[in-house]
PDB file of N, CA and C in Angstrom:
ATOM      1  N   UNK A   1      -4.660  34.312  15.836  1.00  0.00           N
ATOM      2  CA  UNK A   1      -3.976  34.940  14.733  1.00  0.00           C
ATOM      3  C   UNK A   1      -3.164  33.919  13.930  1.00  0.00           C
ATOM      4  N   UNK A   2      -2.571  32.914  14.568  1.00  0.00           N
ATOM      5  CA  UNK A   2      -1.817  31.898  13.840  1.00  0.00           C
ATOM      6  C   UNK A   2      -2.660  31.192  12.795  1.00  0.00           C
ATOM      7  N   UNK A   3      -3.919  30.909  13.126  1.00  0.00           N
ATOM      8  CA  UNK A   3      -4.782  30.228  12.173  1.00  0.00           C
ATOM      9  C   UNK A   3      -4.974  31.056  10.915  1.00  0.00           C
ATOM     10  N   UNK A   4      -5.068  32.363  11.075  1.00  0.00           N
ATOM     11  CA  UNK A   4      -5.261  33.244   9.940  1.00  0.00           C
ATOM     12  C   UNK A   4      -4.117  33.118   8.940  1.00  0.00           C
ATOM     13  N   UNK A   5      -2.932  32.961   9.432  1.00  0.00           N
ATOM     14  CA  UNK A   5      -1.759  32.877   8.562  1.00  0.00           C
ATOM     15  C   UNK A   5      -1.306  31.441   8.308  1.00  0.00           C
ATOM     16  N   UNK A   6      -2.049  30.462   8.801  1.00  0.00           N
ATOM     17  CA  UNK A   6      -1.752  29.078   8.487  1.00  0.00           C
ATOM     18  C   UNK A   6      -0.603  28.462   9.254  1.00  0.00           C
ATOM     19  N   UNK A   7      -0.096  29.121  10.278  1.00  0.00           N
ATOM     20  CA  UNK A   7       1.031  28.544  11.009  1.00  0.00           C
ATOM     21  C   UNK A   7       0.571  27.716  12.208  1.00  0.00           C
ATOM     22  N   UNK A   8      -0.710  27.752  12.507  1.00  0.00           N
ATOM     23  CA  UNK A   8      -1.201  27.027  13.668  1.00  0.00           C
ATOM     24  C   UNK A   8      -1.823  25.686  13.320  1.00  0.00           C
ATOM     25  N   UNK A   9      -1.398  25.105  12.186  1.00  0.00           N
ATOM     26  CA  UNK A   9      -1.982  23.850  11.749  1.00  0.00           C
ATOM     27  C   UNK A   9      -1.342  22.713  12.541  1.00  0.00           C
ATOM     28  N   UNK A  10      -1.912  22.443  13.704  1.00  0.00           N
ATOM     29  CA  UNK A  10      -1.375  21.390  14.543  1.00  0.00           C
ATOM     30  C   UNK A  10      -2.523  20.549  15.069  1.00  0.00           C
ATOM     31  N   UNK A  11      -2.266  19.259  15.220  1.00  0.00           N
ATOM     32  CA  UNK A  11      -3.221  18.376  15.862  1.00  0.00           C
ATOM     33  C   UNK A  11      -2.415  17.332  16.619  1.00  0.00           C
ATOM     34  N   UNK A  12      -3.041  16.263  17.029  1.00  0.00           N
ATOM     35  CA  UNK A  12      -2.323  15.254  17.811  1.00  0.00           C
ATOM     36  C   UNK A  12      -1.260  14.526  16.999  1.00  0.00           C
ATOM     37  N   UNK A  13      -1.418  14.484  15.688  1.00  0.00           N
ATOM     38  CA  UNK A  13      -0.493  13.756  14.830  1.00  0.00           C
ATOM     39  C   UNK A  13       0.549  14.666  14.204  1.00  0.00           C
ATOM     40  N   UNK A  14       0.127  15.823  13.716  1.00  0.00           N
ATOM     41  CA  UNK A  14       1.012  16.736  12.987  1.00  0.00           C
ATOM     42  C   UNK A  14       1.332  17.947  13.856  1.00  0.00           C
ATOM     43  N   UNK A  15       2.627  18.175  14.046  1.00  0.00           N
ATOM     44  CA  UNK A  15       3.056  19.335  14.826  1.00  0.00           C
ATOM     45  C   UNK A  15       4.048  20.150  14.000  1.00  0.00           C
ATOM     46  N   UNK A  16       3.834  21.449  13.960  1.00  0.00           N
ATOM     47  CA  UNK A  16       4.746  22.349  13.274  1.00  0.00           C
ATOM     48  C   UNK A  16       5.769  22.815  14.292  1.00  0.00           C
ATOM     49  N   UNK A  17       7.040  22.576  13.986  1.00  0.00           N
ATOM     50  CA  UNK A  17       8.116  22.940  14.912  1.00  0.00           C
ATOM     51  C   UNK A  17       8.852  24.184  14.436  1.00  0.00           C
ATOM     52  N   UNK A  18       9.268  25.004  15.377  1.00  0.00           N
ATOM     53  CA  UNK A  18      10.116  26.145  15.053  1.00  0.00           C
ATOM     54  C   UNK A  18      11.432  25.606  14.485  1.00  0.00           C
ATOM     55  N   UNK A  19      12.143  26.427  13.715  1.00  0.00           N
ATOM     56  CA  UNK A  19      13.433  25.974  13.186  1.00  0.00           C
ATOM     57  C   UNK A  19      14.381  25.476  14.283  1.00  0.00           C
ATOM     58  N   UNK A  20      14.381  26.144  15.426  1.00  0.00           N
ATOM     59  CA  UNK A  20      15.272  25.742  16.524  1.00  0.00           C
ATOM     60  C   UNK A  20      14.888  24.371  17.074  1.00  0.00           C
ATOM     61  N   UNK A  21      13.601  24.153  17.302  1.00  0.00           N
ATOM     62  CA  UNK A  21      13.136  22.868  17.832  1.00  0.00           C
ATOM     63  C   UNK A  21      13.363  21.757  16.819  1.00  0.00           C
ATOM     64  N   UNK A  22      13.147  22.049  15.537  1.00  0.00           N
ATOM     65  CA  UNK A  22      13.360  21.054  14.484  1.00  0.00           C
ATOM     66  C   UNK A  22      14.839  20.671  14.427  1.00  0.00           C
ATOM     67  N   UNK A  23      15.706  21.682  14.456  1.00  0.00           N
ATOM     68  CA  UNK A  23      17.158  21.441  14.415  1.00  0.00           C
ATOM     69  C   UNK A  23      17.593  20.580  15.602  1.00  0.00           C
ATOM     70  N   UNK A  24      17.097  20.908  16.784  1.00  0.00           N
ATOM     71  CA  UNK A  24      17.438  20.125  17.977  1.00  0.00           C
ATOM     72  C   UNK A  24      16.988  18.675  17.841  1.00  0.00           C
ATOM     73  N   UNK A  25      15.846  18.471  17.196  1.00  0.00           N
ATOM     74  CA  UNK A  25      15.286  17.119  17.075  1.00  0.00           C
ATOM     75  C   UNK A  25      16.033  16.258  16.061  1.00  0.00           C
ATOM     76  N   UNK A  26      16.559  16.862  14.995  1.00  0.00           N
ATOM     77  CA  UNK A  26      17.149  16.054  13.918  1.00  0.00           C
ATOM     78  C   UNK A  26      18.674  16.090  13.849  1.00  0.00           C
ATOM     79  N   UNK A  27      19.294  17.111  14.405  1.00  0.00           N
ATOM     80  CA  UNK A  27      20.737  17.281  14.252  1.00  0.00           C
ATOM     81  C   UNK A  27      21.502  16.173  14.960  1.00  0.00           C
ATOM     82  N   UNK A  28      22.337  15.492  14.198  1.00  0.00           N
ATOM     83  CA  UNK A  28      23.196  14.417  14.713  1.00  0.00           C
ATOM     84  C   UNK A  28      22.415  13.286  15.374  1.00  0.00           C
ATOM     85  N   UNK A  29      21.181  13.072  14.920  1.00  0.00           N
ATOM     86  CA  UNK A  29      20.370  11.980  15.453  1.00  0.00           C
ATOM     87  C   UNK A  29      19.866  11.132  14.301  1.00  0.00           C
ATOM     88  N   UNK A  30      19.617   9.869  14.592  1.00  0.00           N
ATOM     89  CA  UNK A  30      19.073   8.981  13.571  1.00  0.00           C
ATOM     90  C   UNK A  30      17.551   9.070  13.635  1.00  0.00           C
ATOM     91  N   UNK A  31      16.985   9.832  12.709  1.00  0.00           N
ATOM     92  CA  UNK A  31      15.535  10.025  12.653  1.00  0.00           C
ATOM     93  C   UNK A  31      15.065   9.812  11.209  1.00  0.00           C
ATOM     94  N   UNK A  32      13.775   9.660  11.053  1.00  0.00           N
ATOM     95  CA  UNK A  32      13.170   9.583   9.726  1.00  0.00           C
ATOM     96  C   UNK A  32      12.965  11.015   9.253  1.00  0.00           C
ATOM     97  N   UNK A  33      13.837  11.475   8.359  1.00  0.00           N
ATOM     98  CA  UNK A  33      13.853  12.863   7.901  1.00  0.00           C
ATOM     99  C   UNK A  33      13.616  12.893   6.400  1.00  0.00           C
ATOM    100  N   UNK A  34      12.513  13.513   5.984  1.00  0.00           N
ATOM    101  CA  UNK A  34      12.122  13.536   4.582  1.00  0.00           C
ATOM    102  C   UNK A  34      12.079  14.969   4.057  1.00  0.00           C
ATOM    103  N   UNK A  35      12.749  15.173   2.925  1.00  0.00           N
ATOM    104  CA  UNK A  35      12.733  16.431   2.191  1.00  0.00           C
ATOM    105  C   UNK A  35      11.779  16.218   1.013  1.00  0.00           C
ATOM    106  N   UNK A  36      10.671  16.958   0.975  1.00  0.00           N
ATOM    107  CA  UNK A  36       9.676  16.740  -0.074  1.00  0.00           C
ATOM    108  C   UNK A  36       9.826  17.712  -1.254  1.00  0.00           C
ATOM    109  N   UNK A  37      10.991  18.364  -1.357  1.00  0.00           N
ATOM    110  CA  UNK A  37      11.257  19.245  -2.491  1.00  0.00           C
ATOM    111  C   UNK A  37      11.604  18.410  -3.726  1.00  0.00           C
ATOM    112  N   UNK A  38      11.734  19.087  -4.857  1.00  0.00           N
ATOM    113  CA  UNK A  38      12.118  18.399  -6.092  1.00  0.00           C
ATOM    114  C   UNK A  38      13.582  17.956  -6.001  1.00  0.00           C
ATOM    115  N   UNK A  39      13.951  17.064  -6.894  1.00  0.00           N
ATOM    116  CA  UNK A  39      15.333  16.578  -6.935  1.00  0.00           C
ATOM    117  C   UNK A  39      16.307  17.739  -7.183  1.00  0.00           C
ATOM    118  N   UNK A  40      15.920  18.664  -8.053  1.00  0.00           N
ATOM    119  CA  UNK A  40      16.771  19.824  -8.342  1.00  0.00           C
ATOM    120  C   UNK A  40      16.964  20.688  -7.099  1.00  0.00           C
ATOM    121  N   UNK A  41      15.873  20.935  -6.356  1.00  0.00           N
ATOM    122  CA  UNK A  41      15.978  21.718  -5.127  1.00  0.00           C
ATOM    123  C   UNK A  41      16.851  20.992  -4.106  1.00  0.00           C
ATOM    124  N   UNK A  42      16.640  19.698  -3.975  1.00  0.00           N
ATOM    125  CA  UNK A  42      17.393  18.873  -3.027  1.00  0.00           C
ATOM    126  C   UNK A  42      18.891  18.931  -3.330  1.00  0.00           C
ATOM    127  N   UNK A  43      19.233  18.899  -4.624  1.00  0.00           N
ATOM    128  CA  UNK A  43      20.649  18.895  -5.022  1.00  0.00           C
ATOM    129  C   UNK A  43      21.348  20.216  -4.699  1.00  0.00           C
ATOM    130  N   UNK A  44      20.578  21.273  -4.454  1.00  0.00           N
ATOM    131  CA  UNK A  44      21.162  22.573  -4.116  1.00  0.00           C
ATOM    132  C   UNK A  44      21.497  22.694  -2.636  1.00  0.00           C
ATOM    133  N   UNK A  45      21.139  21.677  -1.864  1.00  0.00           N
ATOM    134  CA  UNK A  45      21.448  21.684  -0.440  1.00  0.00           C
ATOM    135  C   UNK A  45      20.292  21.134   0.356  1.00  0.00           C
ATOM    136  N   UNK A  46      20.628  20.304   1.330  1.00  0.00           N
ATOM    137  CA  UNK A  46      19.600  19.657   2.144  1.00  0.00           C
ATOM    138  C   UNK A  46      20.122  19.473   3.562  1.00  0.00           C
ATOM    139  N   UNK A  47      19.208  19.161   4.456  1.00  0.00           N
ATOM    140  CA  UNK A  47      19.592  18.858   5.831  1.00  0.00           C
ATOM    141  C   UNK A  47      20.264  17.485   5.839  1.00  0.00           C
ATOM    142  N   UNK A  48      21.355  17.385   6.576  1.00  0.00           N
ATOM    143  CA  UNK A  48      22.136  16.145   6.653  1.00  0.00           C
ATOM    144  C   UNK A  48      21.234  14.952   6.983  1.00  0.00           C
ATOM    145  N   UNK A  49      21.424  13.868   6.239  1.00  0.00           N
ATOM    146  CA  UNK A  49      20.725  12.587   6.397  1.00  0.00           C
ATOM    147  C   UNK A  49      19.265  12.600   5.931  1.00  0.00           C
ATOM    148  N   UNK A  50      18.842  13.667   5.259  1.00  0.00           N
ATOM    149  CA  UNK A  50      17.475  13.707   4.731  1.00  0.00           C
ATOM    150  C   UNK A  50      17.366  12.820   3.494  1.00  0.00           C
ATOM    151  N   UNK A  51      16.195  12.223   3.327  1.00  0.00           N
ATOM    152  CA  UNK A  51      15.866  11.438   2.141  1.00  0.00           C
ATOM    153  C   UNK A  51      14.944  12.287   1.289  1.00  0.00           C
ATOM    154  N   UNK A  52      15.228  12.346  -0.005  1.00  0.00           N
ATOM    155  CA  UNK A  52      14.422  13.158  -0.913  1.00  0.00           C
ATOM    156  C   UNK A  52      13.281  12.330  -1.503  1.00  0.00           C
ATOM    157  N   UNK A  53      12.058  12.711  -1.170  1.00  0.00           N
ATOM    158  CA  UNK A  53      10.853  12.112  -1.746  1.00  0.00           C
ATOM    159  C   UNK A  53      10.000  13.264  -2.266  1.00  0.00           C
ATOM    160  N   UNK A  54      10.081  13.519  -3.556  1.00  0.00           N
ATOM    161  CA  UNK A  54       9.461  14.676  -4.204  1.00  0.00           C
ATOM    162  C   UNK A  54       7.936  14.646  -4.070  1.00  0.00           C
ATOM    163  N   UNK A  55       7.379  15.686  -3.467  1.00  0.00           N
ATOM    164  CA  UNK A  55       5.933  15.804  -3.287  1.00  0.00           C
ATOM    165  C   UNK A  55       5.203  15.806  -4.629  1.00  0.00           C
ATOM    166  N   UNK A  56       5.843  16.359  -5.658  1.00  0.00           N
ATOM    167  CA  UNK A  56       5.213  16.439  -6.980  1.00  0.00           C
ATOM    168  C   UNK A  56       5.276  15.112  -7.738  1.00  0.00           C
ATOM    169  N   UNK A  57       5.900  14.113  -7.152  1.00  0.00           N
ATOM    170  CA  UNK A  57       5.940  12.757  -7.709  1.00  0.00           C
ATOM    171  C   UNK A  57       5.223  11.843  -6.709  1.00  0.00           C
ATOM    172  N   UNK A  58       3.888  11.891  -6.671  1.00  0.00           N
ATOM    173  CA  UNK A  58       3.123  11.194  -5.620  1.00  0.00           C
ATOM    174  C   UNK A  58       3.451   9.710  -5.481  1.00  0.00           C
ATOM    175  N   UNK A  59       3.683   9.031  -6.611  1.00  0.00           N
ATOM    176  CA  UNK A  59       3.980   7.599  -6.529  1.00  0.00           C
ATOM    177  C   UNK A  59       5.324   7.366  -5.847  1.00  0.00           C
ATOM    178  N   UNK A  60       6.321   8.200  -6.172  1.00  0.00           N
ATOM    179  CA  UNK A  60       7.630   8.106  -5.530  1.00  0.00           C
ATOM    180  C   UNK A  60       7.497   8.375  -4.036  1.00  0.00           C
ATOM    181  N   UNK A  61       6.719   9.382  -3.685  1.00  0.00           N
ATOM    182  CA  UNK A  61       6.521   9.733  -2.281  1.00  0.00           C
ATOM    183  C   UNK A  61       5.882   8.566  -1.530  1.00  0.00           C
ATOM    184  N   UNK A  62       4.807   8.035  -2.062  1.00  0.00           N
ATOM    185  CA  UNK A  62       4.099   6.944  -1.378  1.00  0.00           C
ATOM    186  C   UNK A  62       4.946   5.676  -1.320  1.00  0.00           C
ATOM    187  N   UNK A  63       5.668   5.361  -2.397  1.00  0.00           N
ATOM    188  CA  UNK A  63       6.550   4.184  -2.373  1.00  0.00           C
ATOM    189  C   UNK A  63       7.672   4.361  -1.358  1.00  0.00           C
ATOM    190  N   UNK A  64       8.206   5.576  -1.281  1.00  0.00           N
ATOM    191  CA  UNK A  64       9.291   5.845  -0.342  1.00  0.00           C
ATOM    192  C   UNK A  64       8.861   5.740   1.105  1.00  0.00           C
ATOM    193  N   UNK A  65       7.679   6.236   1.418  1.00  0.00           N
ATOM    194  CA  UNK A  65       7.235   6.201   2.814  1.00  0.00           C
ATOM    195  C   UNK A  65       6.811   4.799   3.251  1.00  0.00           C
ATOM    196  N   UNK A  66       6.538   3.929   2.298  1.00  0.00           N
ATOM    197  CA  UNK A  66       6.197   2.539   2.654  1.00  0.00           C
ATOM    198  C   UNK A  66       7.375   1.845   3.341  1.00  0.00           C
ATOM    199  N   UNK A  67       8.572   2.354   3.116  1.00  0.00           N
ATOM    200  CA  UNK A  67       9.787   1.773   3.705  1.00  0.00           C
ATOM    201  C   UNK A  67      10.044   2.301   5.117  1.00  0.00           C
ATOM    202  N   UNK A  68       9.234   3.252   5.554  1.00  0.00           N
ATOM    203  CA  UNK A  68       9.428   3.881   6.864  1.00  0.00           C
ATOM    204  C   UNK A  68       8.536   3.240   7.920  1.00  0.00           C
ATOM    205  N   UNK A  69       8.903   3.450   9.170  1.00  0.00           N
ATOM    206  CA  UNK A  69       8.130   2.933  10.299  1.00  0.00           C
ATOM    207  C   UNK A  69       7.059   3.952  10.683  1.00  0.00           C
ATOM    208  N   UNK A  70       5.799   3.576  10.527  1.00  0.00           N
ATOM    209  CA  UNK A  70       4.684   4.482  10.801  1.00  0.00           C
ATOM    210  C   UNK A  70       4.550   4.819  12.281  1.00  0.00           C
ATOM    211  N   UNK A  71       5.181   4.041  13.141  1.00  0.00           N
ATOM    212  CA  UNK A  71       5.063   4.268  14.583  1.00  0.00           C
ATOM    213  C   UNK A  71       6.215   5.071  15.167  1.00  0.00           C
ATOM    214  N   UNK A  72       7.160   5.470  14.319  1.00  0.00           N
ATOM    215  CA  UNK A  72       8.272   6.309  14.770  1.00  0.00           C
ATOM    216  C   UNK A  72       8.064   7.723  14.251  1.00  0.00           C
ATOM    217  N   UNK A  73       8.600   8.712  14.951  1.00  0.00           N
ATOM    218  CA  UNK A  73       8.441  10.100  14.503  1.00  0.00           C
ATOM    219  C   UNK A  73       8.981  10.301  13.087  1.00  0.00           C
ATOM    220  N   UNK A  74       8.281  11.125  12.341  1.00  0.00           N
ATOM    221  CA  UNK A  74       8.660  11.449  10.972  1.00  0.00           C
ATOM    222  C   UNK A  74       8.810  12.961  10.880  1.00  0.00           C
ATOM    223  N   UNK A  75       9.950  13.407  10.370  1.00  0.00           N
ATOM    224  CA  UNK A  75      10.241  14.835  10.239  1.00  0.00           C
ATOM    225  C   UNK A  75      10.217  15.204   8.758  1.00  0.00           C
ATOM    226  N   UNK A  76       9.476  16.259   8.434  1.00  0.00           N
ATOM    227  CA  UNK A  76       9.303  16.700   7.050  1.00  0.00           C
ATOM    228  C   UNK A  76       9.715  18.151   6.883  1.00  0.00           C
ATOM    229  N   UNK A  77      10.200  18.452   5.683  1.00  0.00           N
ATOM    230  CA  UNK A  77      10.407  19.856   5.345  1.00  0.00           C
ATOM    231  C   UNK A  77      10.401  20.022   3.834  1.00  0.00           C
ATOM    232  N   UNK A  78      10.203  21.257   3.403  1.00  0.00           N
ATOM    233  CA  UNK A  78      10.257  21.617   1.991  1.00  0.00           C
ATOM    234  C   UNK A  78      10.916  22.997   1.897  1.00  0.00           C
ATOM    235  N   UNK A  79      10.621  23.732   0.844  1.00  0.00           N
ATOM    236  CA  UNK A  79      11.248  25.048   0.680  1.00  0.00           C
ATOM    237  C   UNK A  79      10.619  26.095   1.595  1.00  0.00           C
ATOM    238  N   UNK A  80       9.269  26.123   1.648  1.00  0.00           N
ATOM    239  CA  UNK A  80       8.602  27.186   2.402  1.00  0.00           C
ATOM    240  C   UNK A  80       7.644  26.691   3.484  1.00  0.00           C
ATOM    241  N   UNK A  81       7.362  25.409   3.510  1.00  0.00           N
ATOM    242  CA  UNK A  81       6.429  24.857   4.481  1.00  0.00           C
ATOM    243  C   UNK A  81       5.093  24.450   3.885  1.00  0.00           C
ATOM    244  N   UNK A  82       4.811  24.860   2.657  1.00  0.00           N
ATOM    245  CA  UNK A  82       3.536  24.557   2.021  1.00  0.00           C
ATOM    246  C   UNK A  82       3.433  23.080   1.628  1.00  0.00           C
ATOM    247  N   UNK A  83       4.402  22.583   0.865  1.00  0.00           N
ATOM    248  CA  UNK A  83       4.360  21.178   0.427  1.00  0.00           C
ATOM    249  C   UNK A  83       4.470  20.224   1.601  1.00  0.00           C
ATOM    250  N   UNK A  84       5.302  20.571   2.581  1.00  0.00           N
ATOM    251  CA  UNK A  84       5.454  19.654   3.717  1.00  0.00           C
ATOM    252  C   UNK A  84       4.166  19.573   4.534  1.00  0.00           C
ATOM    253  N   UNK A  85       3.401  20.663   4.614  1.00  0.00           N
ATOM    254  CA  UNK A  85       2.101  20.603   5.305  1.00  0.00           C
ATOM    255  C   UNK A  85       1.158  19.673   4.572  1.00  0.00           C
ATOM    256  N   UNK A  86       1.120  19.782   3.242  1.00  0.00           N
ATOM    257  CA  UNK A  86       0.257  18.904   2.440  1.00  0.00           C
ATOM    258  C   UNK A  86       0.723  17.457   2.556  1.00  0.00           C
ATOM    259  N   UNK A  87       2.038  17.252   2.520  1.00  0.00           N
ATOM    260  CA  UNK A  87       2.580  15.902   2.657  1.00  0.00           C
ATOM    261  C   UNK A  87       2.253  15.327   4.028  1.00  0.00           C
ATOM    262  N   UNK A  88       2.319  16.156   5.062  1.00  0.00           N
ATOM    263  CA  UNK A  88       2.004  15.698   6.419  1.00  0.00           C
ATOM    264  C   UNK A  88       0.572  15.183   6.502  1.00  0.00           C
ATOM    265  N   UNK A  89      -0.350  15.913   5.898  1.00  0.00           N
ATOM    266  CA  UNK A  89      -1.756  15.474   5.911  1.00  0.00           C
ATOM    267  C   UNK A  89      -1.920  14.156   5.158  1.00  0.00           C
ATOM    268  N   UNK A  90      -1.226  14.011   4.039  1.00  0.00           N
ATOM    269  CA  UNK A  90      -1.268  12.777   3.261  1.00  0.00           C
ATOM    270  C   UNK A  90      -0.696  11.612   4.070  1.00  0.00           C
ATOM    271  N   UNK A  91       0.426  11.847   4.736  1.00  0.00           N
ATOM    272  CA  UNK A  91       1.078  10.780   5.503  1.00  0.00           C
ATOM    273  C   UNK A  91       0.269  10.416   6.744  1.00  0.00           C
ATOM    274  N   UNK A  92      -0.456  11.357   7.284  1.00  0.00           N
ATOM    275  CA  UNK A  92      -1.366  11.045   8.382  1.00  0.00           C
ATOM    276  C   UNK A  92      -2.426  10.054   7.890  1.00  0.00           C
ATOM    277  N   UNK A  93      -2.946  10.297   6.694  1.00  0.00           N
ATOM    278  CA  UNK A  93      -3.936   9.387   6.101  1.00  0.00           C
ATOM    279  C   UNK A  93      -3.332   8.009   5.833  1.00  0.00           C
ATOM    280  N   UNK A  94      -2.026   7.975   5.600  1.00  0.00           N
ATOM    281  CA  UNK A  94      -1.332   6.703   5.343  1.00  0.00           C
ATOM    282  C   UNK A  94      -1.027   5.952   6.637  1.00  0.00           C
ATOM    283  N   UNK A  95      -1.331   6.559   7.782  1.00  0.00           N
ATOM    284  CA  UNK A  95      -1.183   5.861   9.047  1.00  0.00           C
ATOM    285  C   UNK A  95      -0.039   6.297   9.937  1.00  0.00           C
ATOM    286  N   UNK A  96       0.702   7.337   9.539  1.00  0.00           N
ATOM    287  CA  UNK A  96       1.777   7.820  10.407  1.00  0.00           C
ATOM    288  C   UNK A  96       1.154   8.513  11.612  1.00  0.00           C
ATOM    289  N   UNK A  97       1.736   8.277  12.775  1.00  0.00           N
ATOM    290  CA  UNK A  97       1.109   8.727  14.014  1.00  0.00           C
ATOM    291  C   UNK A  97       1.799   9.919  14.677  1.00  0.00           C
ATOM    292  N   UNK A  98       3.018  10.234  14.236  1.00  0.00           N
ATOM    293  CA  UNK A  98       3.777  11.340  14.844  1.00  0.00           C
ATOM    294  C   UNK A  98       4.587  12.034  13.757  1.00  0.00           C
ATOM    295  N   UNK A  99       4.096  13.188  13.310  1.00  0.00           N
ATOM    296  CA  UNK A  99       4.698  13.904  12.189  1.00  0.00           C
ATOM    297  C   UNK A  99       5.093  15.312  12.638  1.00  0.00           C
ATOM    298  N   UNK A 100       6.321  15.680  12.307  1.00  0.00           N
ATOM    299  CA  UNK A 100       6.826  17.016  12.640  1.00  0.00           C
ATOM    300  C   UNK A 100       7.185  17.743  11.349  1.00  0.00           C
ATOM    301  N   UNK A 101       6.709  18.967  11.228  1.00  0.00           N
ATOM    302  CA  UNK A 101       6.893  19.765  10.028  1.00  0.00           C
ATOM    303  C   UNK A 101       7.719  21.014  10.380  1.00  0.00           C
ATOM    304  N   UNK A 102       8.727  21.305   9.582  1.00  0.00           N
ATOM    305  CA  UNK A 102       9.584  22.472   9.814  1.00  0.00           C
ATOM    306  C   UNK A 102       8.855  23.754   9.421  1.00  0.00           C
ATOM    307  N   UNK A 103       8.606  24.603  10.400  1.00  0.00           N
ATOM    308  CA  UNK A 103       7.902  25.869  10.160  1.00  0.00           C
ATOM    309  C   UNK A 103       8.672  26.751   9.193  1.00  0.00           C
ATOM    310  N   UNK A 104       8.024  27.135   8.112  1.00  0.00           N
ATOM    311  CA  UNK A 104       8.645  28.056   7.155  1.00  0.00           C
ATOM    312  C   UNK A 104       9.616  27.413   6.192  1.00  0.00           C
ATOM    313  N   UNK A 105       9.829  26.114   6.283  1.00  0.00           N
ATOM    314  CA  UNK A 105      10.700  25.410   5.348  1.00  0.00           C
ATOM    315  C   UNK A 105      12.186  25.580   5.608  1.00  0.00           C
ATOM    316  N   UNK A 106      12.975  25.018   4.701  1.00  0.00           N
ATOM    317  CA  UNK A 106      14.431  24.983   4.869  1.00  0.00           C
ATOM    318  C   UNK A 106      15.052  26.373   4.863  1.00  0.00           C
ATOM    319  N   UNK A 107      14.380  27.320   4.257  1.00  0.00           N
ATOM    320  CA  UNK A 107      14.885  28.694   4.254  1.00  0.00           C
ATOM    321  C   UNK A 107      15.016  29.277   5.654  1.00  0.00           C
ATOM    322  N   UNK A 108      14.227  28.758   6.593  1.00  0.00           N
ATOM    323  CA  UNK A 108      14.299  29.214   7.982  1.00  0.00           C
ATOM    324  C   UNK A 108      15.251  28.382   8.825  1.00  0.00           C
ATOM    325  N   UNK A 109      15.716  27.276   8.274  1.00  0.00           N
ATOM    326  CA  UNK A 109      16.564  26.359   9.022  1.00  0.00           C
ATOM    327  C   UNK A 109      17.943  26.953   9.180  1.00  0.00           C
TER     328      UNK A 109
END
């Protein structure tokens, strides 16, 4: 049933985490945390220590992730989970090996 609704999109590289598991993983820890919402959305509130790399600005996104360590876990989120899923697939192609996506986006956080 998860596949039908798109919440079961997981593989060895990309894992969708529940809001609780995501919060436990990033709260008060030094992690690679990326918010792929627009700058306007980001300015309305974001998870502490998140870096804003707008999914709709592909060059900014790709330039920003070049500064990250592909061998360390990468945590992504957006407003609803749609953009972060697409970004996760893109970043997997860029060579990231451990990607965590916030299920349902920041609204569930």
